[in-house]
Amino acid sequence: MISSSLITAPFKAVAQLKALLGETPIYDEIQDVFYCVDIKGSALWICDPYTLNARSLKVPTLTSAALLTNDPQQLLLVSQSGLFLLNLKDESLRLFYPFSFTQVRPNEAQIAPDGVLWFSTMGLQAQAHAGAMFRFDPQLHNFSLVQADITIPNTLIFNEGQTTFFDTASGDVFNCDLNGQGLVKIPSCLNGTPDGSCLTDDGLILNANWGASELRLFAVHNGYTLKASLPVPARQPSSCALGGRDLNLLFVTTAIDGLAKPNFLDGQAFVAPSSLKGRLNYRFTLI
């Protein structure tokens, strides 16, 4: 079902923002901005969803996410070389926890309700089964493996005590508890190329369908039921988020990466008012 009713006005492009691989849009209710990253451009974008203006900061190589912390002036960056803290006041960086990844890079990353970081890795060339999902516990100050043998781990949803993530390459869905225990794999559950997602206030999953110029809205109950799809003005939507003062502004990241002939809309980020409402993001617990 194609539905334009998911947005109440057309998408508008964020000024200045053009990404090789846009990812991980996050709304910060304190600063009233969206953050997103260009993984392959080593950039963090700070976007005003009302004026559509944006500015960028240089971040470590292959940074896949800039996430909120319980210190409103610091963001947690997830990069190939480690976790960093970015001070928003003076734009300084501090290494928080080093990684030794060389053949993989981080991909999806989100903060769980208990303040724990979840993040995935994938092969630098998206090699089959080279990826994994991890938890980083700020109290123990270490990370643990949740699931290996994934090709492109994407989406991290926390709802009703359950964690959900996807493998884009296979369409597999994984569910476990917030401690990474009791993992259940549902093989080939999703068609298309499911990339990043966000959760609505009523428990629906809005997912970016990479390569298909669309977002898809799913209800989750004994499987995934497609409720609606929404066209996006670029070919490779990579993720989406709901935010703004009323949590009803839809923010979509896209990518140029892999396109032989990108057009002027590919790689841009888009904003539109939505009939959907989101949820506030959880914050990483700095001890």
Protein backbone atom coordinates (compact mmCIF):
# COMPACT_ATOMS: atom_id res chain seq x y z
CA MET A 1 0.00 0.00 0.00
CA ILE A 2 1.55 3.28 -1.13
CA SER A 3 0.56 6.07 1.22
CA SER A 4 1.38 9.75 1.14
CA SER A 5 -0.69 10.20 4.31
CA LEU A 6 2.39 9.36 6.39
CA ILE A 7 3.60 12.90 5.71
CA THR A 8 1.42 16.01 5.77
CA ALA A 9 3.62 18.12 3.47
CA PRO A 10 6.26 17.26 0.85
CA PHE A 11 9.81 16.37 1.81
CA LYS A 12 12.31 19.24 1.83
CA ALA A 13 16.07 18.77 1.53
CA VAL A 14 18.40 19.89 4.31
CA ALA A 15 20.65 22.66 2.98
CA GLN A 16 24.36 21.97 2.46
CA LEU A 17 24.06 18.30 3.47
CA LYS A 18 25.34 15.82 0.88
CA ALA A 19 26.57 12.45 2.11
CA LEU A 20 28.43 9.55 0.57
CA LEU A 21 26.80 7.31 3.16
CA GLY A 22 24.34 9.16 5.38
CA GLU A 23 23.29 7.23 8.47
CA THR A 24 21.95 7.16 12.03
CA PRO A 25 19.69 10.21 12.33
CA ILE A 26 19.11 11.05 15.99
CA TYR A 27 16.90 13.78 17.48
CA ASP A 28 18.24 15.70 20.49
CA GLU A 29 15.31 17.22 22.37
CA ILE A 30 17.58 19.44 24.50
CA GLN A 31 19.41 21.06 21.58
CA ASP A 32 16.32 20.70 19.34
CA VAL A 33 18.38 19.43 16.41
CA PHE A 34 18.92 16.24 14.45
CA TYR A 35 22.35 14.65 14.23
CA CYS A 36 23.40 12.31 11.46
CA VAL A 37 26.72 11.08 10.10
CA ASP A 38 28.35 10.54 6.75
CA ILE A 39 30.18 7.28 7.46
CA LYS A 40 32.44 7.41 4.41
CA GLY A 41 32.82 11.19 4.53
CA SER A 42 33.97 11.26 8.19
CA ALA A 43 31.46 13.99 9.00
CA LEU A 44 28.90 14.69 11.69
CA TRP A 45 26.01 16.86 10.53
CA ILE A 46 24.04 19.02 12.96
CA CYS A 47 20.71 19.90 11.37
CA ASP A 48 18.02 22.42 12.28
CA PRO A 49 14.76 20.76 11.18
CA TYR A 50 12.88 24.08 11.03
CA THR A 51 15.27 26.27 9.02
CA LEU A 52 16.75 23.24 7.19
CA ASN A 53 20.23 24.66 7.77
CA ALA A 54 23.07 22.32 8.70
CA ARG A 55 26.73 22.44 9.61
CA SER A 56 29.31 19.67 9.69
CA LEU A 57 32.13 18.65 12.00
CA LYS A 58 35.06 16.39 11.15
CA VAL A 59 34.90 13.11 13.07
CA PRO A 60 37.13 10.01 13.23
CA THR A 61 37.34 7.70 10.22
CA LEU A 62 34.31 5.48 9.65
CA THR A 63 32.17 6.98 12.40
CA SER A 64 28.75 5.38 12.08
CA ALA A 65 26.80 7.18 14.81
CA ALA A 66 26.69 10.19 17.11
CA LEU A 67 24.52 9.28 20.08
CA LEU A 68 23.13 11.15 23.08
CA THR A 69 24.59 10.84 26.57
CA ASN A 70 23.37 11.83 30.02
CA ASP A 71 25.65 14.86 29.69
CA PRO A 72 23.73 17.14 27.28
CA GLN A 73 27.00 18.72 26.11
CA GLN A 74 28.62 15.45 25.03
CA LEU A 75 27.87 13.05 22.19
CA LEU A 76 29.13 9.48 22.00
CA LEU A 77 30.76 8.75 18.63
CA VAL A 78 31.05 5.15 17.43
CA SER A 79 33.98 4.78 15.01
CA GLN A 80 36.28 2.11 13.64
CA SER A 81 39.06 3.15 16.03
CA GLY A 82 36.90 3.35 19.14
CA LEU A 83 34.30 5.24 21.11
CA PHE A 84 34.87 8.98 21.39
CA LEU A 85 33.21 11.76 23.36
CA LEU A 86 32.54 14.94 21.41
CA ASN A 87 32.15 18.11 23.47
CA LEU A 88 29.52 20.26 21.77
CA LYS A 89 30.76 23.44 23.46
CA ASP A 90 34.32 23.47 22.19
CA GLU A 91 34.06 20.66 19.59
CA SER A 92 36.92 18.75 21.24
CA LEU A 93 37.24 14.97 20.99
CA ARG A 94 38.30 12.55 23.71
CA LEU A 95 38.93 8.84 23.24
CA PHE A 96 36.60 6.97 25.59
CA TYR A 97 37.31 3.35 24.64
CA PRO A 98 39.68 2.09 21.89
CA PHE A 99 38.77 -0.59 19.35
CA SER A 100 41.19 -2.74 17.36
CA PHE A 101 38.92 -3.33 14.36
CA THR A 102 40.79 -3.49 11.04
CA GLN A 103 38.76 -5.69 8.70
CA VAL A 104 35.37 -4.43 9.84
CA ARG A 105 33.74 -1.11 10.63
CA PRO A 106 30.81 -0.12 12.86
CA ASN A 107 27.42 0.18 11.25
CA GLU A 108 24.21 0.40 13.28
CA ALA A 109 24.35 1.87 16.80
CA GLN A 110 21.73 2.91 19.36
CA ILE A 111 21.36 3.34 23.11
CA ALA A 112 19.10 0.93 25.01
CA PRO A 113 16.67 1.95 27.80
CA ASP A 114 19.23 0.93 30.45
CA GLY A 115 21.86 3.33 29.05
CA VAL A 116 23.88 0.56 27.38
CA LEU A 117 25.32 1.02 23.89
CA TRP A 118 24.43 -1.54 21.23
CA PHE A 119 26.41 -1.45 18.01
CA SER A 120 27.07 -3.66 15.02
CA THR A 121 30.04 -4.26 12.75
CA MET A 122 30.24 -5.31 9.11
CA GLY A 123 32.99 -6.16 6.63
CA LEU A 124 34.64 -3.24 4.88
CA GLN A 125 33.42 -4.69 1.59
CA ALA A 126 30.20 -6.09 3.10
CA GLN A 127 31.66 -9.60 3.02
CA ALA A 128 29.17 -12.34 3.83
CA HIS A 129 28.90 -13.28 7.52
CA ALA A 130 31.70 -10.88 8.56
CA GLY A 131 29.45 -8.76 10.78
CA ALA A 132 28.30 -9.00 14.38
CA MET A 133 26.20 -7.30 17.05
CA PHE A 134 27.67 -6.14 20.38
CA ARG A 135 26.69 -4.52 23.68
CA PHE A 136 28.95 -2.03 25.47
CA ASP A 137 28.21 -1.80 29.18
CA PRO A 138 29.30 1.58 30.62
CA GLN A 139 29.50 0.18 34.15
CA LEU A 140 31.72 -2.77 33.21
CA HIS A 141 33.51 -0.63 30.62
CA ASN A 142 33.75 -3.45 28.09
CA PHE A 143 31.80 -4.90 25.21
CA SER A 144 30.34 -8.35 24.69
CA LEU A 145 29.23 -10.27 21.63
CA VAL A 146 25.49 -10.75 21.13
CA GLN A 147 25.48 -12.40 17.70
CA ALA A 148 28.14 -13.16 15.08
CA ASP A 149 27.79 -14.44 11.51
CA ILE A 150 25.72 -11.51 10.23
CA THR A 151 26.44 -9.82 6.92
CA ILE A 152 24.98 -6.29 7.27
CA PRO A 153 23.48 -5.80 10.75
CA ASN A 154 21.02 -2.91 10.60
CA THR A 155 18.20 -1.43 12.68
CA LEU A 156 18.17 -1.48 16.48
CA ILE A 157 14.74 -1.27 18.08
CA PHE A 158 14.05 -1.47 21.82
CA ASN A 159 10.43 -2.09 22.70
CA GLU A 160 8.66 -3.76 25.63
CA GLY A 161 11.87 -5.26 27.02
CA GLN A 162 12.94 -6.69 23.68
CA THR A 163 15.78 -5.81 21.31
CA THR A 164 15.27 -6.27 17.57
CA PHE A 165 17.81 -6.05 14.76
CA PHE A 166 17.95 -7.09 11.10
CA ASP A 167 20.42 -8.53 8.62
CA THR A 168 19.96 -6.42 5.50
CA ALA A 169 21.55 -9.03 3.24
CA SER A 170 19.31 -11.93 4.24
CA GLY A 171 16.17 -10.28 5.60
CA ASP A 172 16.68 -12.20 8.84
CA VAL A 173 15.21 -10.68 12.01
CA PHE A 174 16.80 -11.24 15.44
CA ASN A 175 15.03 -10.75 18.78
CA CYS A 176 16.55 -10.97 22.26
CA ASP A 177 16.22 -9.36 25.67
CA LEU A 178 18.02 -6.18 26.74
CA ASN A 179 20.92 -8.24 28.10
CA GLY A 180 21.43 -9.94 24.73
CA GLN A 181 20.06 -13.23 26.06
CA GLY A 182 17.41 -15.56 24.65
CA LEU A 183 18.18 -14.68 21.05
CA VAL A 184 15.73 -15.95 18.44
CA LYS A 185 16.39 -15.73 14.69
CA ILE A 186 13.51 -15.47 12.22
CA PRO A 187 15.03 -16.37 8.82
CA SER A 188 14.17 -14.37 5.68
CA CYS A 189 11.42 -12.48 7.50
CA LEU A 190 11.70 -9.27 5.44
CA ASN A 191 11.90 -8.80 1.68
CA GLY A 192 13.56 -5.87 -0.04
CA THR A 193 16.74 -4.43 1.47
CA PRO A 194 15.84 -3.34 5.02
CA ASP A 195 18.26 -0.71 6.33
CA GLY A 196 17.85 1.60 9.36
CA SER A 197 14.58 2.08 11.23
CA CYS A 198 12.81 4.04 13.93
CA LEU A 199 10.01 3.17 16.32
CA THR A 200 6.73 5.07 16.52
CA ASP A 201 4.99 5.84 19.79
CA ASP A 202 2.41 3.14 19.06
CA GLY A 203 4.99 0.43 18.40
CA LEU A 204 5.18 0.44 14.60
CA ILE A 205 8.55 0.15 12.84
CA LEU A 206 9.34 2.63 10.06
CA ASN A 207 12.12 1.17 7.92
CA ALA A 208 14.29 2.56 5.11
CA ASN A 209 14.23 0.20 2.12
CA TRP A 210 17.69 0.71 0.59
CA GLY A 211 17.70 1.03 -3.18
CA ALA A 212 13.93 1.24 -3.48
CA SER A 213 13.31 4.98 -2.88
CA GLU A 214 10.88 4.22 -0.08
CA LEU A 215 10.21 3.87 3.61
CA ARG A 216 8.01 1.02 4.81
CA LEU A 217 5.79 1.02 7.89
CA PHE A 218 5.41 -2.36 9.61
CA ALA A 219 3.18 -3.62 12.37
CA VAL A 220 4.85 -6.35 14.41
CA HIS A 221 2.59 -9.08 15.74
CA ASN A 222 3.27 -12.71 14.89
CA GLY A 223 5.35 -11.47 11.97
CA TYR A 224 5.80 -8.23 10.04
CA THR A 225 2.73 -6.78 8.34
CA LEU A 226 3.26 -3.97 5.83
CA LYS A 227 0.91 -1.12 6.74
CA ALA A 228 2.07 1.51 4.24
CA SER A 229 5.00 2.62 2.12
CA LEU A 230 6.21 6.16 1.55
CA PRO A 231 8.17 7.32 -1.52
CA VAL A 232 11.45 9.12 -0.80
CA PRO A 233 13.06 11.57 -3.29
CA ALA A 234 16.38 9.64 -3.42
CA ARG A 235 17.20 6.11 -4.49
CA GLN A 236 19.05 4.88 -1.41
CA PRO A 237 17.29 5.81 1.85
CA SER A 238 19.50 4.52 4.65
CA SER A 239 17.67 5.36 7.86
CA CYS A 240 14.97 7.52 9.40
CA ALA A 241 14.03 9.20 12.67
CA LEU A 242 11.06 11.02 14.16
CA GLY A 243 11.75 14.13 16.21
CA GLY A 244 11.07 17.81 16.57
CA ARG A 245 9.20 19.52 19.39
CA ASP A 246 6.11 17.38 18.84
CA LEU A 247 8.12 14.30 17.77
CA ASN A 248 6.34 14.33 14.41
CA LEU A 249 9.06 15.57 12.06
CA LEU A 250 10.33 12.77 9.84
CA PHE A 251 14.06 12.95 9.03
CA VAL A 252 15.49 10.63 6.35
CA THR A 253 19.15 10.02 5.46
CA THR A 254 20.26 8.75 2.06
CA ALA A 255 23.48 7.77 0.29
CA ILE A 256 25.42 8.22 -2.94
CA ASP A 257 27.70 5.25 -2.22
CA GLY A 258 27.51 2.61 -4.95
CA LEU A 259 25.54 4.66 -7.46
CA ALA A 260 27.17 4.88 -10.89
CA LYS A 261 25.22 8.01 -11.81
CA PRO A 262 23.84 9.75 -8.70
CA ASN A 263 21.37 12.56 -9.23
CA PHE A 264 21.30 15.81 -7.29
CA LEU A 265 18.92 14.43 -4.63
CA ASP A 266 20.91 11.28 -3.86
CA GLY A 267 22.92 11.66 -0.66
CA GLN A 268 20.78 14.44 0.74
CA ALA A 269 18.76 14.37 3.96
CA PHE A 270 15.06 15.16 3.91
CA VAL A 271 12.55 16.46 6.44
CA ALA A 272 8.75 16.43 6.36
CA PRO A 273 5.97 16.81 8.93
CA SER A 274 4.42 13.43 9.59
CA SER A 275 1.18 11.92 10.81
CA LEU A 276 3.36 9.55 12.85
CA LYS A 277 4.77 10.37 16.26
CA GLY A 278 8.11 9.14 17.56
CA ARG A 279 9.71 8.53 20.92
CA LEU A 280 12.56 10.29 22.69
CA ASN A 281 15.96 8.65 22.35
CA TYR A 282 17.69 6.98 25.26
CA ARG A 283 21.01 8.35 26.48
CA PHE A 284 24.30 6.59 27.10
CA THR A 285 25.21 6.48 30.79
CA LEU A 286 28.50 8.23 31.47
CA ILE A 287 29.73 6.94 34.82
